[in-house]
Amino acid sequence: MLKSLMAIWPAADWKPVQPFPFAAARGAFAGMTSSEGRIVIRYYQRPDRSLVATAEFGPLSEGAPGLVHGGAILTALDEALGAAAWLVGRRCMTARLTTEFRKGTPLGAELLVVTRVVASRRRLIDLTGELTGPDGTVYAAAHGRFMELEEAQLKRIFGRSVPSKSPEKS
């Protein structure tokens, strides 16, 4: 049922984006190249400059029979919130992530993660996100606080300098 409705995503005016500056900034657990049957995430920027992502949960993301494991849901929300921060030029990592699971997420579902930057001060950026179905069902919601990393931290973590990604101008 979900797959037949997925033609609504991505919308025609969504632009595919890669918010992370290089492959080493991404983990091997989830992402656009995940072929292990876990989670595949594709990022898009909407005309209002916000980031959305489609998240497809494969067979290796199963928790309870027929449902996505909570850790896989957390991973999708964490990656999408972090991607939204990187897209606006904040080179950061998760400092805190809280999640509210609202409904069992069906295995094999391709869902939408909608993100919002809600606050930004000094090195902290707060974001919210929701994992939703094509019918508007909210399966999970998250609030994340991300810490912008200093150049020395970026180099230590990624093994090299990380290019600064300025938000694109229209």
C-alpha atoms as a PDB file:
ATOM      1  CA  MET A   1       0.000   0.000   0.000  1.00  0.00           C
ATOM      2  CA  LEU A   2       2.695   2.491   0.983  1.00  0.00           C
ATOM      3  CA  LYS A   3       4.765   1.806  -2.139  1.00  0.00           C
ATOM      4  CA  SER A   4       1.876   2.588  -4.492  1.00  0.00           C
ATOM      5  CA  LEU A   5       1.407   5.985  -2.873  1.00  0.00           C
ATOM      6  CA  MET A   6       5.087   6.924  -3.002  1.00  0.00           C
ATOM      7  CA  ALA A   7       4.775   8.653  -6.364  1.00  0.00           C
ATOM      8  CA  ILE A   8       4.041  11.812  -4.341  1.00  0.00           C
ATOM      9  CA  TRP A   9       7.707  11.856  -3.173  1.00  0.00           C
ATOM     10  CA  PRO A  10       9.774  13.594  -4.222  1.00  0.00           C
ATOM     11  CA  ALA A  11       7.619  16.524  -5.322  1.00  0.00           C
ATOM     12  CA  ALA A  12       8.521  18.024  -8.684  1.00  0.00           C
ATOM     13  CA  ASP A  13       9.919  21.191  -7.092  1.00  0.00           C
ATOM     14  CA  TRP A  14      12.225  19.381  -4.627  1.00  0.00           C
ATOM     15  CA  LYS A  15      15.910  19.537  -5.529  1.00  0.00           C
ATOM     16  CA  PRO A  16      18.092  16.490  -4.726  1.00  0.00           C
ATOM     17  CA  VAL A  17      20.972  17.518  -2.450  1.00  0.00           C
ATOM     18  CA  GLN A  18      23.954  15.938  -0.722  1.00  0.00           C
ATOM     19  CA  PRO A  19      24.227  17.922   2.515  1.00  0.00           C
ATOM     20  CA  PHE A  20      27.430  16.244   3.667  1.00  0.00           C
ATOM     21  CA  PRO A  21      30.581  17.510   1.937  1.00  0.00           C
ATOM     22  CA  PHE A  22      32.209  14.110   1.365  1.00  0.00           C
ATOM     23  CA  ALA A  23      31.525  10.429   1.867  1.00  0.00           C
ATOM     24  CA  ALA A  24      33.614  10.181   5.058  1.00  0.00           C
ATOM     25  CA  ALA A  25      31.115  12.493   6.758  1.00  0.00           C
ATOM     26  CA  ARG A  26      28.526   9.728   6.511  1.00  0.00           C
ATOM     27  CA  GLY A  27      28.343   6.501   8.410  1.00  0.00           C
ATOM     28  CA  ALA A  28      28.053   3.159   6.682  1.00  0.00           C
ATOM     29  CA  PHE A  29      24.810   2.264   8.450  1.00  0.00           C
ATOM     30  CA  ALA A  30      22.445   4.461   6.453  1.00  0.00           C
ATOM     31  CA  GLY A  31      22.552   6.596   3.408  1.00  0.00           C
ATOM     32  CA  MET A  32      22.076   6.888  -0.289  1.00  0.00           C
ATOM     33  CA  THR A  33      24.420   3.962  -1.024  1.00  0.00           C
ATOM     34  CA  SER A  34      23.229   1.534   1.636  1.00  0.00           C
ATOM     35  CA  SER A  35      22.814  -1.826  -0.050  1.00  0.00           C
ATOM     36  CA  GLU A  36      22.759  -3.995   3.042  1.00  0.00           C
ATOM     37  CA  GLY A  37      18.969  -3.926   3.393  1.00  0.00           C
ATOM     38  CA  ARG A  38      18.997  -1.465   6.268  1.00  0.00           C
ATOM     39  CA  ILE A  39      18.047   2.148   5.620  1.00  0.00           C
ATOM     40  CA  VAL A  40      18.283   4.179   2.438  1.00  0.00           C
ATOM     41  CA  ILE A  41      17.997   7.942   2.840  1.00  0.00           C
ATOM     42  CA  ARG A  42      17.679  10.462   0.000  1.00  0.00           C
ATOM     43  CA  TYR A  43      17.828  14.186   0.699  1.00  0.00           C
ATOM     44  CA  TYR A  44      15.896  16.997  -0.993  1.00  0.00           C
ATOM     45  CA  GLN A  45      15.703  20.740  -0.533  1.00  0.00           C
ATOM     46  CA  ARG A  46      12.249  22.255  -0.885  1.00  0.00           C
ATOM     47  CA  PRO A  47      11.655  25.694  -2.436  1.00  0.00           C
ATOM     48  CA  ASP A  48      11.449  27.199   1.080  1.00  0.00           C
ATOM     49  CA  ARG A  49      15.086  25.975   1.560  1.00  0.00           C
ATOM     50  CA  SER A  50      14.099  23.357   4.193  1.00  0.00           C
ATOM     51  CA  LEU A  51      15.421  19.818   4.003  1.00  0.00           C
ATOM     52  CA  VAL A  52      13.271  16.735   3.680  1.00  0.00           C
ATOM     53  CA  ALA A  53      14.417  13.167   3.252  1.00  0.00           C
ATOM     54  CA  THR A  54      12.865   9.953   2.101  1.00  0.00           C
ATOM     55  CA  ALA A  55      13.802   7.023   4.312  1.00  0.00           C
ATOM     56  CA  GLU A  56      13.271   3.451   3.189  1.00  0.00           C
ATOM     57  CA  PHE A  57      13.552   0.759   5.836  1.00  0.00           C
ATOM     58  CA  GLY A  58      14.800  -2.560   4.474  1.00  0.00           C
ATOM     59  CA  PRO A  59      14.599  -6.065   5.963  1.00  0.00           C
ATOM     60  CA  LEU A  60      17.679  -5.665   8.193  1.00  0.00           C
ATOM     61  CA  SER A  61      16.004  -2.778  10.033  1.00  0.00           C
ATOM     62  CA  GLU A  62      13.375  -5.103  11.521  1.00  0.00           C
ATOM     63  CA  GLY A  63      12.679  -5.074  15.238  1.00  0.00           C
ATOM     64  CA  ALA A  64       9.381  -6.648  16.271  1.00  0.00           C
ATOM     65  CA  PRO A  65       8.004  -8.845  13.458  1.00  0.00           C
ATOM     66  CA  GLY A  66       6.941  -6.647  10.546  1.00  0.00           C
ATOM     67  CA  LEU A  67       7.985  -3.411  12.247  1.00  0.00           C
ATOM     68  CA  VAL A  68      11.050  -1.187  12.020  1.00  0.00           C
ATOM     69  CA  HIS A  69      13.412  -1.316  15.018  1.00  0.00           C
ATOM     70  CA  GLY A  70      13.445   1.867  17.109  1.00  0.00           C
ATOM     71  CA  GLY A  71      17.199   2.217  16.593  1.00  0.00           C
ATOM     72  CA  ALA A  72      16.693   2.361  12.828  1.00  0.00           C
ATOM     73  CA  ILE A  73      14.060   5.064  13.275  1.00  0.00           C
ATOM     74  CA  LEU A  74      16.464   7.005  15.517  1.00  0.00           C
ATOM     75  CA  THR A  75      19.184   6.645  12.880  1.00  0.00           C
ATOM     76  CA  ALA A  76      16.980   8.053  10.125  1.00  0.00           C
ATOM     77  CA  LEU A  77      15.878  10.989  12.274  1.00  0.00           C
ATOM     78  CA  ASP A  78      19.422  11.694  13.523  1.00  0.00           C
ATOM     79  CA  GLU A  79      20.873  11.627   9.999  1.00  0.00           C
ATOM     80  CA  ALA A  80      18.150  13.862   8.579  1.00  0.00           C
ATOM     81  CA  LEU A  81      18.397  16.417  11.397  1.00  0.00           C
ATOM     82  CA  GLY A  82      22.177  16.487  11.077  1.00  0.00           C
ATOM     83  CA  ALA A  83      21.874  16.828   7.305  1.00  0.00           C
ATOM     84  CA  ALA A  84      19.574  19.830   7.738  1.00  0.00           C
ATOM     85  CA  ALA A  85      22.196  21.492   9.951  1.00  0.00           C
ATOM     86  CA  TRP A  86      25.035  20.745   7.491  1.00  0.00           C
ATOM     87  CA  LEU A  87      22.890  22.069   4.625  1.00  0.00           C
ATOM     88  CA  VAL A  88      22.703  25.490   6.306  1.00  0.00           C
ATOM     89  CA  GLY A  89      26.472  25.515   6.779  1.00  0.00           C
ATOM     90  CA  ARG A  90      26.706  24.214  10.364  1.00  0.00           C
ATOM     91  CA  ARG A  91      29.407  21.509  10.470  1.00  0.00           C
ATOM     92  CA  CYS A  92      28.233  19.634  13.523  1.00  0.00           C
ATOM     93  CA  MET A  93      27.543  16.392  15.348  1.00  0.00           C
ATOM     94  CA  THR A  94      24.681  15.265  17.554  1.00  0.00           C
ATOM     95  CA  ALA A  95      24.872  16.420  21.162  1.00  0.00           C
ATOM     96  CA  ARG A  96      21.408  15.235  22.217  1.00  0.00           C
ATOM     97  CA  LEU A  97      18.527  13.497  20.464  1.00  0.00           C
ATOM     98  CA  THR A  98      15.140  12.808  21.996  1.00  0.00           C
ATOM     99  CA  THR A  99      12.531  10.814  20.155  1.00  0.00           C
ATOM    100  CA  GLU A 100       8.870  10.111  20.663  1.00  0.00           C
ATOM    101  CA  PHE A 101       7.634   6.923  19.009  1.00  0.00           C
ATOM    102  CA  ARG A 102       3.995   7.417  18.113  1.00  0.00           C
ATOM    103  CA  LYS A 103       3.045   4.390  16.026  1.00  0.00           C
ATOM    104  CA  GLY A 104       4.693   1.152  14.902  1.00  0.00           C
ATOM    105  CA  THR A 105       6.537   1.786  11.627  1.00  0.00           C
ATOM    106  CA  PRO A 106       5.876  -0.865   8.980  1.00  0.00           C
ATOM    107  CA  LEU A 107       8.927  -2.684   7.631  1.00  0.00           C
ATOM    108  CA  GLY A 108       9.626  -1.893   3.978  1.00  0.00           C
ATOM    109  CA  ALA A 109       7.952   1.491   4.245  1.00  0.00           C
ATOM    110  CA  GLU A 110       9.385   4.488   2.431  1.00  0.00           C
ATOM    111  CA  LEU A 111       8.535   7.459   4.596  1.00  0.00           C
ATOM    112  CA  LEU A 112       9.261  11.166   4.707  1.00  0.00           C
ATOM    113  CA  VAL A 113      11.399  12.954   7.287  1.00  0.00           C
ATOM    114  CA  VAL A 114      10.459  16.631   7.517  1.00  0.00           C
ATOM    115  CA  THR A 115      13.034  18.800   9.316  1.00  0.00           C
ATOM    116  CA  ARG A 116      12.964  22.293  10.799  1.00  0.00           C
ATOM    117  CA  VAL A 117      15.698  24.454  12.281  1.00  0.00           C
ATOM    118  CA  VAL A 118      14.077  25.882  15.419  1.00  0.00           C
ATOM    119  CA  ALA A 119      16.962  27.719  17.124  1.00  0.00           C
ATOM    120  CA  SER A 120      20.577  28.604  16.529  1.00  0.00           C
ATOM    121  CA  ARG A 121      22.967  30.246  18.942  1.00  0.00           C
ATOM    122  CA  ARG A 122      26.728  30.226  19.143  1.00  0.00           C
ATOM    123  CA  ARG A 123      27.834  26.644  18.479  1.00  0.00           C
ATOM    124  CA  LEU A 124      24.407  25.043  19.126  1.00  0.00           C
ATOM    125  CA  ILE A 125      21.660  24.395  16.618  1.00  0.00           C
ATOM    126  CA  ASP A 126      18.283  22.892  17.576  1.00  0.00           C
ATOM    127  CA  LEU A 127      16.184  21.051  15.046  1.00  0.00           C
ATOM    128  CA  THR A 128      12.966  19.060  14.999  1.00  0.00           C
ATOM    129  CA  GLY A 129      11.862  16.354  12.655  1.00  0.00           C
ATOM    130  CA  GLU A 130       8.954  14.046  12.002  1.00  0.00           C
ATOM    131  CA  LEU A 131       8.857  10.676  10.270  1.00  0.00           C
ATOM    132  CA  THR A 132       5.577  10.640   8.350  1.00  0.00           C
ATOM    133  CA  GLY A 133       3.677   8.393   5.984  1.00  0.00           C
ATOM    134  CA  PRO A 134       2.033   9.344   2.702  1.00  0.00           C
ATOM    135  CA  ASP A 135      -1.320   9.632   4.484  1.00  0.00           C
ATOM    136  CA  GLY A 136       0.091  12.103   7.041  1.00  0.00           C
ATOM    137  CA  THR A 137       0.520   9.555   9.852  1.00  0.00           C
ATOM    138  CA  VAL A 138       3.356  10.626  12.153  1.00  0.00           C
ATOM    139  CA  TYR A 139       5.305   7.521  13.176  1.00  0.00           C
ATOM    140  CA  ALA A 140       7.973   9.302  15.226  1.00  0.00           C
ATOM    141  CA  ALA A 141       9.069  12.824  16.148  1.00  0.00           C
ATOM    142  CA  ALA A 142      12.467  14.015  17.321  1.00  0.00           C
ATOM    143  CA  HIS A 143      14.211  17.036  18.769  1.00  0.00           C
ATOM    144  CA  GLY A 144      17.942  17.255  18.258  1.00  0.00           C
ATOM    145  CA  ARG A 145      20.602  19.570  19.610  1.00  0.00           C
ATOM    146  CA  PHE A 146      23.740  19.637  17.511  1.00  0.00           C
ATOM    147  CA  MET A 147      27.128  21.122  18.400  1.00  0.00           C
ATOM    148  CA  GLU A 148      29.078  22.898  15.701  1.00  0.00           C
ATOM    149  CA  LEU A 149      32.605  21.522  15.568  1.00  0.00           C
ATOM    150  CA  GLU A 150      35.778  23.568  15.523  1.00  0.00           C
ATOM    151  CA  GLU A 151      38.282  23.044  12.708  1.00  0.00           C
ATOM    152  CA  ALA A 152      40.627  20.949  14.888  1.00  0.00           C
ATOM    153  CA  GLN A 153      37.745  18.676  15.900  1.00  0.00           C
ATOM    154  CA  LEU A 154      36.636  18.235  12.292  1.00  0.00           C
ATOM    155  CA  LYS A 155      40.167  17.312  11.244  1.00  0.00           C
ATOM    156  CA  ARG A 156      40.526  14.827  14.119  1.00  0.00           C
ATOM    157  CA  ILE A 157      37.162  13.164  13.448  1.00  0.00           C
ATOM    158  CA  PHE A 158      37.280  13.057   9.651  1.00  0.00           C
ATOM    159  CA  GLY A 159      41.041  12.870   9.215  1.00  0.00           C
ATOM    160  CA  ARG A 160      41.177  16.019   7.117  1.00  0.00           C
ATOM    161  CA  SER A 161      39.764  19.497   6.814  1.00  0.00           C
ATOM    162  CA  VAL A 162      36.086  19.652   6.060  1.00  0.00           C
ATOM    163  CA  PRO A 163      35.036  22.204   3.479  1.00  0.00           C
ATOM    164  CA  SER A 164      32.659  24.814   4.726  1.00  0.00           C
ATOM    165  CA  LYS A 165      29.369  24.566   2.898  1.00  0.00           C
ATOM    166  CA  SER A 166      27.624  27.890   2.671  1.00  0.00           C
ATOM    167  CA  PRO A 167      23.895  27.821   2.084  1.00  0.00           C
ATOM    168  CA  GLU A 168      23.197  28.225  -1.624  1.00  0.00           C
ATOM    169  CA  LYS A 169      21.656  31.453  -2.778  1.00  0.00           C
ATOM    170  CA  SER A 170      18.652  31.446  -5.077  1.00  0.00           C
END
